[in-house]
PDB file of N, CA and C in Angstrom:
ATOM      1  N   MET A   1       5.403 -19.576   4.661  1.00  0.00           N
ATOM      2  CA  MET A   1       4.250 -19.981   5.448  1.00  0.00           C
ATOM      3  C   MET A   1       3.046 -20.081   4.524  1.00  0.00           C
ATOM      4  N   ASP A   2       2.364 -21.197   4.545  1.00  0.00           N
ATOM      5  CA  ASP A   2       1.134 -21.351   3.789  1.00  0.00           C
ATOM      6  C   ASP A   2      -0.008 -20.974   4.714  1.00  0.00           C
ATOM      7  N   SER A   3      -0.586 -19.821   4.455  1.00  0.00           N
ATOM      8  CA  SER A   3      -1.640 -19.336   5.343  1.00  0.00           C
ATOM      9  C   SER A   3      -2.938 -20.109   5.157  1.00  0.00           C
ATOM     10  N   GLY A   4      -3.056 -20.836   4.034  1.00  0.00           N
ATOM     11  CA  GLY A   4      -4.293 -21.527   3.755  1.00  0.00           C
ATOM     12  C   GLY A   4      -5.425 -20.583   3.419  1.00  0.00           C
ATOM     13  N   ALA A   5      -5.097 -19.328   3.214  1.00  0.00           N
ATOM     14  CA  ALA A   5      -6.104 -18.312   2.946  1.00  0.00           C
ATOM     15  C   ALA A   5      -6.473 -18.301   1.470  1.00  0.00           C
ATOM     16  N   PRO A   6      -7.722 -17.968   1.169  1.00  0.00           N
ATOM     17  CA  PRO A   6      -8.132 -17.884  -0.239  1.00  0.00           C
ATOM     18  C   PRO A   6      -7.437 -16.717  -0.933  1.00  0.00           C
ATOM     19  N   ASP A   7      -7.464 -16.749  -2.265  1.00  0.00           N
ATOM     20  CA  ASP A   7      -6.815 -15.700  -3.041  1.00  0.00           C
ATOM     21  C   ASP A   7      -7.559 -14.377  -2.985  1.00  0.00           C
ATOM     22  N   ASP A   8      -8.813 -14.378  -2.628  1.00  0.00           N
ATOM     23  CA  ASP A   8      -9.611 -13.150  -2.632  1.00  0.00           C
ATOM     24  C   ASP A   8      -9.745 -12.580  -1.213  1.00  0.00           C
ATOM     25  N   LEU A   9      -8.608 -12.272  -0.610  1.00  0.00           N
ATOM     26  CA  LEU A   9      -8.592 -11.759   0.750  1.00  0.00           C
ATOM     27  C   LEU A   9      -9.121 -10.338   0.822  1.00  0.00           C
ATOM     28  N   GLY A  10      -9.878 -10.054   1.855  1.00  0.00           N
ATOM     29  CA  GLY A  10     -10.277  -8.689   2.146  1.00  0.00           C
ATOM     30  C   GLY A  10      -9.262  -8.079   3.107  1.00  0.00           C
ATOM     31  N   LEU A  11      -9.407  -6.800   3.360  1.00  0.00           N
ATOM     32  CA  LEU A  11      -8.471  -6.133   4.260  1.00  0.00           C
ATOM     33  C   LEU A  11      -8.524  -6.720   5.669  1.00  0.00           C
ATOM     34  N   ARG A  12      -9.722  -7.033   6.152  1.00  0.00           N
ATOM     35  CA  ARG A  12      -9.832  -7.623   7.495  1.00  0.00           C
ATOM     36  C   ARG A  12      -9.115  -8.958   7.557  1.00  0.00           C
ATOM     37  N   ASP A  13      -9.256  -9.760   6.482  1.00  0.00           N
ATOM     38  CA  ASP A  13      -8.545 -11.036   6.417  1.00  0.00           C
ATOM     39  C   ASP A  13      -7.041 -10.805   6.483  1.00  0.00           C
ATOM     40  N   CYS A  14      -6.567  -9.832   5.726  1.00  0.00           N
ATOM     41  CA  CYS A  14      -5.134  -9.530   5.715  1.00  0.00           C
ATOM     42  C   CYS A  14      -4.664  -9.111   7.090  1.00  0.00           C
ATOM     43  N   GLN A  15      -5.412  -8.234   7.736  1.00  0.00           N
ATOM     44  CA  GLN A  15      -5.024  -7.804   9.080  1.00  0.00           C
ATOM     45  C   GLN A  15      -4.969  -8.989  10.034  1.00  0.00           C
ATOM     46  N   ARG A  16      -5.943  -9.885   9.945  1.00  0.00           N
ATOM     47  CA  ARG A  16      -5.977 -11.058  10.833  1.00  0.00           C
ATOM     48  C   ARG A  16      -4.807 -11.993  10.549  1.00  0.00           C
ATOM     49  N   ILE A  17      -4.548 -12.271   9.276  1.00  0.00           N
ATOM     50  CA  ILE A  17      -3.462 -13.186   8.903  1.00  0.00           C
ATOM     51  C   ILE A  17      -2.110 -12.603   9.312  1.00  0.00           C
ATOM     52  N   ILE A  18      -1.931 -11.307   9.120  1.00  0.00           N
ATOM     53  CA  ILE A  18      -0.669 -10.666   9.506  1.00  0.00           C
ATOM     54  C   ILE A  18      -0.518 -10.685  11.020  1.00  0.00           C
ATOM     55  N   ASP A  19      -1.604 -10.464  11.748  1.00  0.00           N
ATOM     56  CA  ASP A  19      -1.555 -10.534  13.206  1.00  0.00           C
ATOM     57  C   ASP A  19      -1.131 -11.934  13.659  1.00  0.00           C
ATOM     58  N   GLU A  20      -1.713 -12.960  13.038  1.00  0.00           N
ATOM     59  CA  GLU A  20      -1.340 -14.336  13.371  1.00  0.00           C
ATOM     60  C   GLU A  20       0.130 -14.592  13.056  1.00  0.00           C
ATOM     61  N   TRP A  21       0.591 -14.081  11.901  1.00  0.00           N
ATOM     62  CA  TRP A  21       1.986 -14.287  11.508  1.00  0.00           C
ATOM     63  C   TRP A  21       2.922 -13.636  12.520  1.00  0.00           C
ATOM     64  N   VAL A  22       2.623 -12.387  12.879  1.00  0.00           N
ATOM     65  CA  VAL A  22       3.491 -11.675  13.827  1.00  0.00           C
ATOM     66  C   VAL A  22       3.564 -12.435  15.142  1.00  0.00           C
ATOM     67  N   LYS A  23       2.435 -12.891  15.629  1.00  0.00           N
ATOM     68  CA  LYS A  23       2.407 -13.575  16.922  1.00  0.00           C
ATOM     69  C   LYS A  23       3.024 -14.965  16.855  1.00  0.00           C
ATOM     70  N   THR A  24       3.057 -15.580  15.672  1.00  0.00           N
ATOM     71  CA  THR A  24       3.636 -16.913  15.515  1.00  0.00           C
ATOM     72  C   THR A  24       5.125 -16.857  15.206  1.00  0.00           C
ATOM     73  N   TYR A  25       5.496 -16.011  14.272  1.00  0.00           N
ATOM     74  CA  TYR A  25       6.880 -15.988  13.792  1.00  0.00           C
ATOM     75  C   TYR A  25       7.661 -14.761  14.237  1.00  0.00           C
ATOM     76  N   GLY A  26       6.994 -13.689  14.491  1.00  0.00           N
ATOM     77  CA  GLY A  26       7.678 -12.451  14.857  1.00  0.00           C
ATOM     78  C   GLY A  26       7.772 -12.229  16.346  1.00  0.00           C
ATOM     79  N   VAL A  27       7.240 -13.125  17.129  1.00  0.00           N
ATOM     80  CA  VAL A  27       7.174 -13.086  18.589  1.00  0.00           C
ATOM     81  C   VAL A  27       6.169 -12.033  19.057  1.00  0.00           C
ATOM     82  N   ARG A  28       6.374 -10.773  18.655  1.00  0.00           N
ATOM     83  CA  ARG A  28       5.467  -9.690  19.016  1.00  0.00           C
ATOM     84  C   ARG A  28       5.688  -8.562  18.006  1.00  0.00           C
ATOM     85  N   TYR A  29       4.808  -7.593  18.059  1.00  0.00           N
ATOM     86  CA  TYR A  29       4.961  -6.423  17.210  1.00  0.00           C
ATOM     87  C   TYR A  29       6.131  -5.576  17.684  1.00  0.00           C
ATOM     88  N   PHE A  30       6.828  -4.951  16.741  1.00  0.00           N
ATOM     89  CA  PHE A  30       7.751  -3.880  17.105  1.00  0.00           C
ATOM     90  C   PHE A  30       6.890  -2.742  17.653  1.00  0.00           C
ATOM     91  N   SER A  31       7.498  -1.805  18.328  1.00  0.00           N
ATOM     92  CA  SER A  31       6.726  -0.659  18.813  1.00  0.00           C
ATOM     93  C   SER A  31       6.142   0.107  17.629  1.00  0.00           C
ATOM     94  N   GLU A  32       5.109   0.873  17.916  1.00  0.00           N
ATOM     95  CA  GLU A  32       4.468   1.651  16.859  1.00  0.00           C
ATOM     96  C   GLU A  32       5.449   2.612  16.190  1.00  0.00           C
ATOM     97  N   LEU A  33       6.299   3.233  16.973  1.00  0.00           N
ATOM     98  CA  LEU A  33       7.273   4.162  16.400  1.00  0.00           C
ATOM     99  C   LEU A  33       8.286   3.430  15.526  1.00  0.00           C
ATOM    100  N   THR A  34       8.736   2.261  15.975  1.00  0.00           N
ATOM    101  CA  THR A  34       9.655   1.470  15.149  1.00  0.00           C
ATOM    102  C   THR A  34       8.968   1.062  13.859  1.00  0.00           C
ATOM    103  N   ASN A  35       7.717   0.613  13.950  1.00  0.00           N
ATOM    104  CA  ASN A  35       7.008   0.214  12.725  1.00  0.00           C
ATOM    105  C   ASN A  35       6.775   1.396  11.801  1.00  0.00           C
ATOM    106  N   MET A  36       6.582   2.582  12.348  1.00  0.00           N
ATOM    107  CA  MET A  36       6.454   3.763  11.494  1.00  0.00           C
ATOM    108  C   MET A  36       7.749   3.992  10.731  1.00  0.00           C
ATOM    109  N   ALA A  37       8.876   3.849  11.404  1.00  0.00           N
ATOM    110  CA  ALA A  37      10.175   4.002  10.744  1.00  0.00           C
ATOM    111  C   ALA A  37      10.381   2.901   9.701  1.00  0.00           C
ATOM    112  N   VAL A  38       9.969   1.685  10.014  1.00  0.00           N
ATOM    113  CA  VAL A  38      10.083   0.574   9.057  1.00  0.00           C
ATOM    114  C   VAL A  38       9.206   0.849   7.844  1.00  0.00           C
ATOM    115  N   LEU A  39       8.006   1.397   8.064  1.00  0.00           N
ATOM    116  CA  LEU A  39       7.120   1.737   6.952  1.00  0.00           C
ATOM    117  C   LEU A  39       7.787   2.747   6.015  1.00  0.00           C
ATOM    118  N   VAL A  40       8.371   3.771   6.588  1.00  0.00           N
ATOM    119  CA  VAL A  40       9.053   4.785   5.776  1.00  0.00           C
ATOM    120  C   VAL A  40      10.217   4.143   5.009  1.00  0.00           C
ATOM    121  N   GLU A  41      10.947   3.263   5.667  1.00  0.00           N
ATOM    122  CA  GLU A  41      12.050   2.558   5.013  1.00  0.00           C
ATOM    123  C   GLU A  41      11.550   1.735   3.824  1.00  0.00           C
ATOM    124  N   GLU A  42      10.459   1.011   4.024  1.00  0.00           N
ATOM    125  CA  GLU A  42       9.909   0.184   2.947  1.00  0.00           C
ATOM    126  C   GLU A  42       9.392   1.036   1.796  1.00  0.00           C
ATOM    127  N   VAL A  43       8.751   2.164   2.109  1.00  0.00           N
ATOM    128  CA  VAL A  43       8.296   3.074   1.058  1.00  0.00           C
ATOM    129  C   VAL A  43       9.499   3.603   0.283  1.00  0.00           C
ATOM    130  N   GLY A  44      10.592   3.874   0.983  1.00  0.00           N
ATOM    131  CA  GLY A  44      11.805   4.321   0.321  1.00  0.00           C
ATOM    132  C   GLY A  44      12.360   3.271  -0.631  1.00  0.00           C
ATOM    133  N   GLU A  45      12.315   2.013  -0.229  1.00  0.00           N
ATOM    134  CA  GLU A  45      12.784   0.932  -1.107  1.00  0.00           C
ATOM    135  C   GLU A  45      11.909   0.837  -2.354  1.00  0.00           C
ATOM    136  N   LEU A  46      10.609   0.985  -2.176  1.00  0.00           N
ATOM    137  CA  LEU A  46       9.699   0.985  -3.317  1.00  0.00           C
ATOM    138  C   LEU A  46       9.981   2.191  -4.219  1.00  0.00           C
ATOM    139  N   ALA A  47      10.171   3.344  -3.613  1.00  0.00           N
ATOM    140  CA  ALA A  47      10.446   4.559  -4.387  1.00  0.00           C
ATOM    141  C   ALA A  47      11.721   4.405  -5.214  1.00  0.00           C
ATOM    142  N   ARG A  48      12.726   3.775  -4.662  1.00  0.00           N
ATOM    143  CA  ARG A  48      13.979   3.555  -5.381  1.00  0.00           C
ATOM    144  C   ARG A  48      13.743   2.735  -6.642  1.00  0.00           C
ATOM    145  N   ILE A  49      12.977   1.662  -6.505  1.00  0.00           N
ATOM    146  CA  ILE A  49      12.678   0.819  -7.668  1.00  0.00           C
ATOM    147  C   ILE A  49      11.859   1.589  -8.697  1.00  0.00           C
ATOM    148  N   MET A  50      10.838   2.303  -8.235  1.00  0.00           N
ATOM    149  CA  MET A  50       9.971   3.044  -9.153  1.00  0.00           C
ATOM    150  C   MET A  50      10.752   4.125  -9.900  1.00  0.00           C
ATOM    151  N   ALA A  51      11.654   4.814  -9.197  1.00  0.00           N
ATOM    152  CA  ALA A  51      12.446   5.877  -9.822  1.00  0.00           C
ATOM    153  C   ALA A  51      13.357   5.320 -10.906  1.00  0.00           C
ATOM    154  N   ARG A  52      13.819   4.096 -10.720  1.00  0.00           N
ATOM    155  CA  ARG A  52      14.719   3.499 -11.690  1.00  0.00           C
ATOM    156  C   ARG A  52      13.972   2.790 -12.822  1.00  0.00           C
ATOM    157  N   ARG A  53      12.864   2.163 -12.499  1.00  0.00           N
ATOM    158  CA  ARG A  53      12.123   1.437 -13.536  1.00  0.00           C
ATOM    159  C   ARG A  53      11.275   2.373 -14.389  1.00  0.00           C
ATOM    160  N   TYR A  54      10.642   3.370 -13.759  1.00  0.00           N
ATOM    161  CA  TYR A  54       9.695   4.228 -14.477  1.00  0.00           C
ATOM    162  C   TYR A  54      10.146   5.687 -14.575  1.00  0.00           C
ATOM    163  N   GLY A  55      11.184   6.026 -13.838  1.00  0.00           N
ATOM    164  CA  GLY A  55      11.668   7.406 -13.836  1.00  0.00           C
ATOM    165  C   GLY A  55      12.949   7.545 -14.629  1.00  0.00           C
ATOM    166  N   ASP A  56      13.691   8.557 -14.301  1.00  0.00           N
ATOM    167  CA  ASP A  56      14.876   8.919 -15.070  1.00  0.00           C
ATOM    168  C   ASP A  56      16.159   8.284 -14.556  1.00  0.00           C
ATOM    169  N   GLN A  57      16.133   7.698 -13.375  1.00  0.00           N
ATOM    170  CA  GLN A  57      17.343   7.082 -12.849  1.00  0.00           C
ATOM    171  C   GLN A  57      17.528   5.689 -13.431  1.00  0.00           C
ATOM    172  N   SER A  58      18.751   5.177 -13.354  1.00  0.00           N
ATOM    173  CA  SER A  58      19.036   3.831 -13.855  1.00  0.00           C
ATOM    174  C   SER A  58      19.475   2.939 -12.700  1.00  0.00           C
ATOM    175  N   PHE A  59      19.291   1.647 -12.913  1.00  0.00           N
ATOM    176  CA  PHE A  59      19.724   0.663 -11.924  1.00  0.00           C
ATOM    177  C   PHE A  59      21.241   0.532 -11.951  1.00  0.00           C
ATOM    178  N   LYS A  60      21.805   0.244 -10.806  1.00  0.00           N
ATOM    179  CA  LYS A  60      23.209  -0.151 -10.750  1.00  0.00           C
ATOM    180  C   LYS A  60      23.276  -1.608 -11.201  1.00  0.00           C
ATOM    181  N   PRO A  61      24.422  -2.063 -11.664  1.00  0.00           N
ATOM    182  CA  PRO A  61      24.535  -3.473 -12.062  1.00  0.00           C
ATOM    183  C   PRO A  61      24.099  -4.398 -10.926  1.00  0.00           C
ATOM    184  N   GLY A  62      23.250  -5.354 -11.267  1.00  0.00           N
ATOM    185  CA  GLY A  62      22.762  -6.318 -10.289  1.00  0.00           C
ATOM    186  C   GLY A  62      21.487  -5.917  -9.582  1.00  0.00           C
ATOM    187  N   GLU A  63      21.001  -4.707  -9.782  1.00  0.00           N
ATOM    188  CA  GLU A  63      19.787  -4.242  -9.114  1.00  0.00           C
ATOM    189  C   GLU A  63      18.526  -4.444  -9.957  1.00  0.00           C
ATOM    190  N   GLU A  64      18.683  -4.797 -11.211  1.00  0.00           N
ATOM    191  CA  GLU A  64      17.561  -4.802 -12.150  1.00  0.00           C
ATOM    192  C   GLU A  64      16.432  -5.752 -11.761  1.00  0.00           C
ATOM    193  N   ASP A  65      16.736  -6.770 -10.978  1.00  0.00           N
ATOM    194  CA  ASP A  65      15.720  -7.782 -10.683  1.00  0.00           C
ATOM    195  C   ASP A  65      14.859  -7.466  -9.467  1.00  0.00           C
ATOM    196  N   HIS A  66      15.016  -6.295  -8.881  1.00  0.00           N
ATOM    197  CA  HIS A  66      14.176  -5.940  -7.737  1.00  0.00           C
ATOM    198  C   HIS A  66      12.714  -5.839  -8.178  1.00  0.00           C
ATOM    199  N   ASP A  67      11.833  -6.414  -7.388  1.00  0.00           N
ATOM    200  CA  ASP A  67      10.424  -6.546  -7.738  1.00  0.00           C
ATOM    201  C   ASP A  67       9.582  -5.507  -6.995  1.00  0.00           C
ATOM    202  N   PRO A  68       8.949  -4.587  -7.716  1.00  0.00           N
ATOM    203  CA  PRO A  68       8.112  -3.607  -7.015  1.00  0.00           C
ATOM    204  C   PRO A  68       6.948  -4.262  -6.275  1.00  0.00           C
ATOM    205  N   ALA A  69       6.437  -5.376  -6.777  1.00  0.00           N
ATOM    206  CA  ALA A  69       5.333  -6.059  -6.097  1.00  0.00           C
ATOM    207  C   ALA A  69       5.756  -6.515  -4.704  1.00  0.00           C
ATOM    208  N   ASP A  70       6.957  -7.020  -4.576  1.00  0.00           N
ATOM    209  CA  ASP A  70       7.446  -7.465  -3.272  1.00  0.00           C
ATOM    210  C   ASP A  70       7.577  -6.279  -2.322  1.00  0.00           C
ATOM    211  N   GLU A  71       8.065  -5.155  -2.817  1.00  0.00           N
ATOM    212  CA  GLU A  71       8.186  -3.966  -1.978  1.00  0.00           C
ATOM    213  C   GLU A  71       6.813  -3.420  -1.598  1.00  0.00           C
ATOM    214  N   MET A  72       5.852  -3.463  -2.524  1.00  0.00           N
ATOM    215  CA  MET A  72       4.491  -3.030  -2.201  1.00  0.00           C
ATOM    216  C   MET A  72       3.904  -3.920  -1.113  1.00  0.00           C
ATOM    217  N   ALA A  73       4.171  -5.219  -1.194  1.00  0.00           N
ATOM    218  CA  ALA A  73       3.688  -6.144  -0.159  1.00  0.00           C
ATOM    219  C   ALA A  73       4.337  -5.831   1.180  1.00  0.00           C
ATOM    220  N   ASP A  74       5.624  -5.469   1.180  1.00  0.00           N
ATOM    221  CA  ASP A  74       6.284  -5.081   2.426  1.00  0.00           C
ATOM    222  C   ASP A  74       5.617  -3.841   3.031  1.00  0.00           C
ATOM    223  N   VAL A  75       5.321  -2.852   2.190  1.00  0.00           N
ATOM    224  CA  VAL A  75       4.647  -1.635   2.659  1.00  0.00           C
ATOM    225  C   VAL A  75       3.292  -2.004   3.261  1.00  0.00           C
ATOM    226  N   PHE A  76       2.538  -2.833   2.549  1.00  0.00           N
ATOM    227  CA  PHE A  76       1.209  -3.236   3.006  1.00  0.00           C
ATOM    228  C   PHE A  76       1.291  -4.005   4.324  1.00  0.00           C
ATOM    229  N   PHE A  77       2.269  -4.906   4.438  1.00  0.00           N
ATOM    230  CA  PHE A  77       2.453  -5.692   5.657  1.00  0.00           C
ATOM    231  C   PHE A  77       2.654  -4.772   6.865  1.00  0.00           C
ATOM    232  N   VAL A  78       3.576  -3.830   6.739  1.00  0.00           N
ATOM    233  CA  VAL A  78       3.867  -2.942   7.871  1.00  0.00           C
ATOM    234  C   VAL A  78       2.679  -2.023   8.162  1.00  0.00           C
ATOM    235  N   LEU A  79       1.985  -1.573   7.117  1.00  0.00           N
ATOM    236  CA  LEU A  79       0.798  -0.755   7.322  1.00  0.00           C
ATOM    237  C   LEU A  79      -0.265  -1.537   8.096  1.00  0.00           C
ATOM    238  N   CYS A  80      -0.439  -2.802   7.749  1.00  0.00           N
ATOM    239  CA  CYS A  80      -1.383  -3.650   8.494  1.00  0.00           C
ATOM    240  C   CYS A  80      -0.930  -3.837   9.931  1.00  0.00           C
ATOM    241  N   CYS A  81       0.369  -3.975  10.154  1.00  0.00           N
ATOM    242  CA  CYS A  81       0.870  -4.069  11.525  1.00  0.00           C
ATOM    243  C   CYS A  81       0.501  -2.824  12.313  1.00  0.00           C
ATOM    244  N   LEU A  82       0.734  -1.661  11.735  1.00  0.00           N
ATOM    245  CA  LEU A  82       0.392  -0.409  12.416  1.00  0.00           C
ATOM    246  C   LEU A  82      -1.109  -0.311  12.682  1.00  0.00           C
ATOM    247  N   ALA A  83      -1.902  -0.729  11.709  1.00  0.00           N
ATOM    248  CA  ALA A  83      -3.356  -0.709  11.903  1.00  0.00           C
ATOM    249  C   ALA A  83      -3.746  -1.633  13.048  1.00  0.00           C
ATOM    250  N   ASN A  84      -3.189  -2.825  13.071  1.00  0.00           N
ATOM    251  CA  ASN A  84      -3.496  -3.769  14.145  1.00  0.00           C
ATOM    252  C   ASN A  84      -3.095  -3.204  15.502  1.00  0.00           C
ATOM    253  N   GLN A  85      -1.932  -2.596  15.559  1.00  0.00           N
ATOM    254  CA  GLN A  85      -1.423  -2.076  16.830  1.00  0.00           C
ATOM    255  C   GLN A  85      -2.235  -0.905  17.354  1.00  0.00           C
ATOM    256  N   THR A  86      -2.803  -0.132  16.464  1.00  0.00           N
ATOM    257  CA  THR A  86      -3.500   1.094  16.871  1.00  0.00           C
ATOM    258  C   THR A  86      -5.016   0.952  16.822  1.00  0.00           C
ATOM    259  N   GLY A  87      -5.502  -0.256  16.547  1.00  0.00           N
ATOM    260  CA  GLY A  87      -6.939  -0.500  16.561  1.00  0.00           C
ATOM    261  C   GLY A  87      -7.677   0.049  15.349  1.00  0.00           C
ATOM    262  N   VAL A  88      -6.991   0.220  14.235  1.00  0.00           N
ATOM    263  CA  VAL A  88      -7.615   0.742  13.021  1.00  0.00           C
ATOM    264  C   VAL A  88      -8.149  -0.415  12.183  1.00  0.00           C
ATOM    265  N   ASP A  89      -9.419  -0.346  11.846  1.00  0.00           N
ATOM    266  CA  ASP A  89     -10.035  -1.287  10.913  1.00  0.00           C
ATOM    267  C   ASP A  89      -9.848  -0.693   9.518  1.00  0.00           C
ATOM    268  N   LEU A  90      -8.917  -1.257   8.757  1.00  0.00           N
ATOM    269  CA  LEU A  90      -8.616  -0.691   7.441  1.00  0.00           C
ATOM    270  C   LEU A  90      -9.810  -0.757   6.491  1.00  0.00           C
ATOM    271  N   THR A  91     -10.642  -1.776   6.605  1.00  0.00           N
ATOM    272  CA  THR A  91     -11.819  -1.860   5.745  1.00  0.00           C
ATOM    273  C   THR A  91     -12.715  -0.647   5.951  1.00  0.00           C
ATOM    274  N   GLY A  92     -13.037  -0.365   7.205  1.00  0.00           N
ATOM    275  CA  GLY A  92     -13.864   0.802   7.511  1.00  0.00           C
ATOM    276  C   GLY A  92     -13.175   2.101   7.135  1.00  0.00           C
ATOM    277  N   ALA A  93     -11.876   2.171   7.382  1.00  0.00           N
ATOM    278  CA  ALA A  93     -11.131   3.391   7.066  1.00  0.00           C
ATOM    279  C   ALA A  93     -11.124   3.660   5.568  1.00  0.00           C
ATOM    280  N   VAL A  94     -10.929   2.611   4.765  1.00  0.00           N
ATOM    281  CA  VAL A  94     -10.928   2.788   3.305  1.00  0.00           C
ATOM    282  C   VAL A  94     -12.309   3.197   2.826  1.00  0.00           C
ATOM    283  N   ARG A  95     -13.348   2.573   3.360  1.00  0.00           N
ATOM    284  CA  ARG A  95     -14.717   2.946   2.969  1.00  0.00           C
ATOM    285  C   ARG A  95     -15.007   4.414   3.279  1.00  0.00           C
ATOM    286  N   ARG A  96     -14.654   4.831   4.495  1.00  0.00           N
ATOM    287  CA  ARG A  96     -14.887   6.234   4.886  1.00  0.00           C
ATOM    288  C   ARG A  96     -14.050   7.182   4.027  1.00  0.00           C
ATOM    289  N   ASN A  97     -12.836   6.787   3.725  1.00  0.00           N
ATOM    290  CA  ASN A  97     -11.960   7.623   2.918  1.00  0.00           C
ATOM    291  C   ASN A  97     -12.486   7.770   1.498  1.00  0.00           C
ATOM    292  N   LEU A  98     -12.994   6.673   0.918  1.00  0.00           N
ATOM    293  CA  LEU A  98     -13.569   6.748  -0.426  1.00  0.00           C
ATOM    294  C   LEU A  98     -14.827   7.611  -0.451  1.00  0.00           C
ATOM    295  N   GLU A  99     -15.657   7.499   0.589  1.00  0.00           N
ATOM    296  CA  GLU A  99     -16.837   8.363   0.675  1.00  0.00           C
ATOM    297  C   GLU A  99     -16.428   9.830   0.724  1.00  0.00           C
ATOM    298  N   LYS A 100     -15.421  10.139   1.537  1.00  0.00           N
ATOM    299  CA  LYS A 100     -14.930  11.522   1.646  1.00  0.00           C
ATOM    300  C   LYS A 100     -14.419  12.002   0.288  1.00  0.00           C
ATOM    301  N   LYS A 101     -13.603  11.195  -0.364  1.00  0.00           N
ATOM    302  CA  LYS A 101     -13.045  11.577  -1.661  1.00  0.00           C
ATOM    303  C   LYS A 101     -14.145  11.735  -2.716  1.00  0.00           C
ATOM    304  N   THR A 102     -15.145  10.864  -2.668  1.00  0.00           N
ATOM    305  CA  THR A 102     -16.237  10.939  -3.642  1.00  0.00           C
ATOM    306  C   THR A 102     -17.017  12.238  -3.467  1.00  0.00           C
ATOM    307  N   GLN A 103     -17.326  12.585  -2.236  1.00  0.00           N
ATOM    308  CA  GLN A 103     -18.048  13.834  -1.996  1.00  0.00           C
ATOM    309  C   GLN A 103     -17.207  15.048  -2.388  1.00  0.00           C
ATOM    310  N   ARG A 104     -15.953  15.030  -2.045  1.00  0.00           N
ATOM    311  CA  ARG A 104     -15.078  16.173  -2.291  1.00  0.00           C
ATOM    312  C   ARG A 104     -14.675  16.288  -3.760  1.00  0.00           C
ATOM    313  N   ASP A 105     -14.440  15.156  -4.398  1.00  0.00           N
ATOM    314  CA  ASP A 105     -13.812  15.160  -5.722  1.00  0.00           C
ATOM    315  C   ASP A 105     -14.709  14.619  -6.828  1.00  0.00           C
ATOM    316  N   ALA A 106     -16.021  14.598  -6.609  1.00  0.00           N
ATOM    317  CA  ALA A 106     -16.927  13.973  -7.577  1.00  0.00           C
ATOM    318  C   ALA A 106     -16.695  14.459  -9.002  1.00  0.00           C
ATOM    319  N   ARG A 107     -16.443  15.718  -9.193  1.00  0.00           N
ATOM    320  CA  ARG A 107     -16.214  16.254 -10.546  1.00  0.00           C
ATOM    321  C   ARG A 107     -14.853  16.926 -10.688  1.00  0.00           C
ATOM    322  N   ARG A 108     -14.165  17.120  -9.585  1.00  0.00           N
ATOM    323  CA  ARG A 108     -12.925  17.897  -9.606  1.00  0.00           C
ATOM    324  C   ARG A 108     -11.922  17.366 -10.621  1.00  0.00           C
ATOM    325  N   HIS A 109     -11.683  16.083 -10.643  1.00  0.00           N
ATOM    326  CA  HIS A 109     -10.674  15.526 -11.548  1.00  0.00           C
ATOM    327  C   HIS A 109     -11.139  15.565 -13.002  1.00  0.00           C
ATOM    328  N   TRP A 110     -12.442  15.389 -13.219  1.00  0.00           N
ATOM    329  CA  TRP A 110     -12.973  15.486 -14.583  1.00  0.00           C
ATOM    330  C   TRP A 110     -12.895  16.913 -15.110  1.00  0.00           C
ATOM    331  N   ASN A 111     -12.834  17.888 -14.205  1.00  0.00           N
ATOM    332  CA  ASN A 111     -12.714  19.281 -14.611  1.00  0.00           C
ATOM    333  C   ASN A 111     -11.260  19.747 -14.704  1.00  0.00           C
ATOM    334  N   ASN A 112     -10.325  18.843 -14.542  1.00  0.00           N
ATOM    335  CA  ASN A 112      -8.904  19.159 -14.592  1.00  0.00           C
ATOM    336  C   ASN A 112      -8.379  18.900 -16.005  1.00  0.00           C
ATOM    337  N   PRO A 113      -8.070  19.945 -16.763  1.00  0.00           N
ATOM    338  CA  PRO A 113      -7.611  19.749 -18.139  1.00  0.00           C
ATOM    339  C   PRO A 113      -6.297  18.976 -18.234  1.00  0.00           C
ATOM    340  N   LYS A 114      -5.514  18.961 -17.176  1.00  0.00           N
ATOM    341  CA  LYS A 114      -4.273  18.187 -17.188  1.00  0.00           C
ATOM    342  C   LYS A 114      -4.566  16.688 -17.258  1.00  0.00           C
ATOM    343  N   LEU A 115      -5.695  16.284 -16.704  1.00  0.00           N
ATOM    344  CA  LEU A 115      -6.058  14.867 -16.693  1.00  0.00           C
ATOM    345  C   LEU A 115      -6.928  14.474 -17.882  1.00  0.00           C
ATOM    346  N   THR A 116      -7.709  15.409 -18.372  1.00  0.00           N
ATOM    347  CA  THR A 116      -8.694  15.060 -19.395  1.00  0.00           C
ATOM    348  C   THR A 116      -8.245  15.381 -20.810  1.00  0.00           C
ATOM    349  N   ALA A 117      -7.101  16.023 -20.974  1.00  0.00           N
ATOM    350  CA  ALA A 117      -6.617  16.350 -22.322  1.00  0.00           C
ATOM    351  C   ALA A 117      -6.507  15.074 -23.151  1.00  0.00           C
ATOM    352  N   GLY A 118      -7.114  15.083 -24.318  1.00  0.00           N
ATOM    353  CA  GLY A 118      -7.032  13.938 -25.211  1.00  0.00           C
ATOM    354  C   GLY A 118      -8.092  12.879 -24.997  1.00  0.00           C
ATOM    355  N   LEU A 119      -8.917  13.017 -23.968  1.00  0.00           N
ATOM    356  CA  LEU A 119      -9.983  12.039 -23.748  1.00  0.00           C
ATOM    357  C   LEU A 119     -11.176  12.348 -24.640  1.00  0.00           C
ATOM    358  N   ASP A 120     -11.920  11.328 -24.962  1.00  0.00           N
ATOM    359  CA  ASP A 120     -13.155  11.495 -25.709  1.00  0.00           C
ATOM    360  C   ASP A 120     -14.125  12.279 -24.821  1.00  0.00           C
ATOM    361  N   PRO A 121     -14.766  13.344 -25.324  1.00  0.00           N
ATOM    362  CA  PRO A 121     -15.667  14.158 -24.489  1.00  0.00           C
ATOM    363  C   PRO A 121     -16.778  13.342 -23.845  1.00  0.00           C
ATOM    364  N   GLY A 122     -17.167  12.219 -24.405  1.00  0.00           N
ATOM    365  CA  GLY A 122     -18.208  11.379 -23.822  1.00  0.00           C
ATOM    366  C   GLY A 122     -17.759  10.570 -22.630  1.00  0.00           C
ATOM    367  N   GLU A 123     -16.462  10.572 -22.297  1.00  0.00           N
ATOM    368  CA  GLU A 123     -15.950   9.756 -21.196  1.00  0.00           C
ATOM    369  C   GLU A 123     -16.228  10.366 -19.837  1.00  0.00           C
ATOM    370  N   GLY A 124     -16.554  11.632 -19.749  1.00  0.00           N
ATOM    371  CA  GLY A 124     -16.749  12.289 -18.456  1.00  0.00           C
ATOM    372  C   GLY A 124     -18.170  12.389 -18.142  1.00  0.00           C
TER     373      GLY A 124
END
């Protein structure tokens, strides 16, 4: 489907485009509980690829071409479906979440020697 959407989509644009796609091609949304299960399934598929590409596990023959970007898009798609179904504005939610994290963690990570070991002292 060519959405005709620009490359610089915001979260609201994504939610709107996914809503249009579901209503055009998917007939309707799956139930919220089903979509939650689908989200977990998609995260599991992404985790499998990440564990094999970046972790200690290896791919089985024929699995090497799995694309983490495609799995991330699947996770994002289902997350947007859940947001649409439950009335969550992801743009506002991300903004509020970043504000919370900034207030809570403004210096916490810079004070973590596990993260800052080897960094130039002027970077913090």
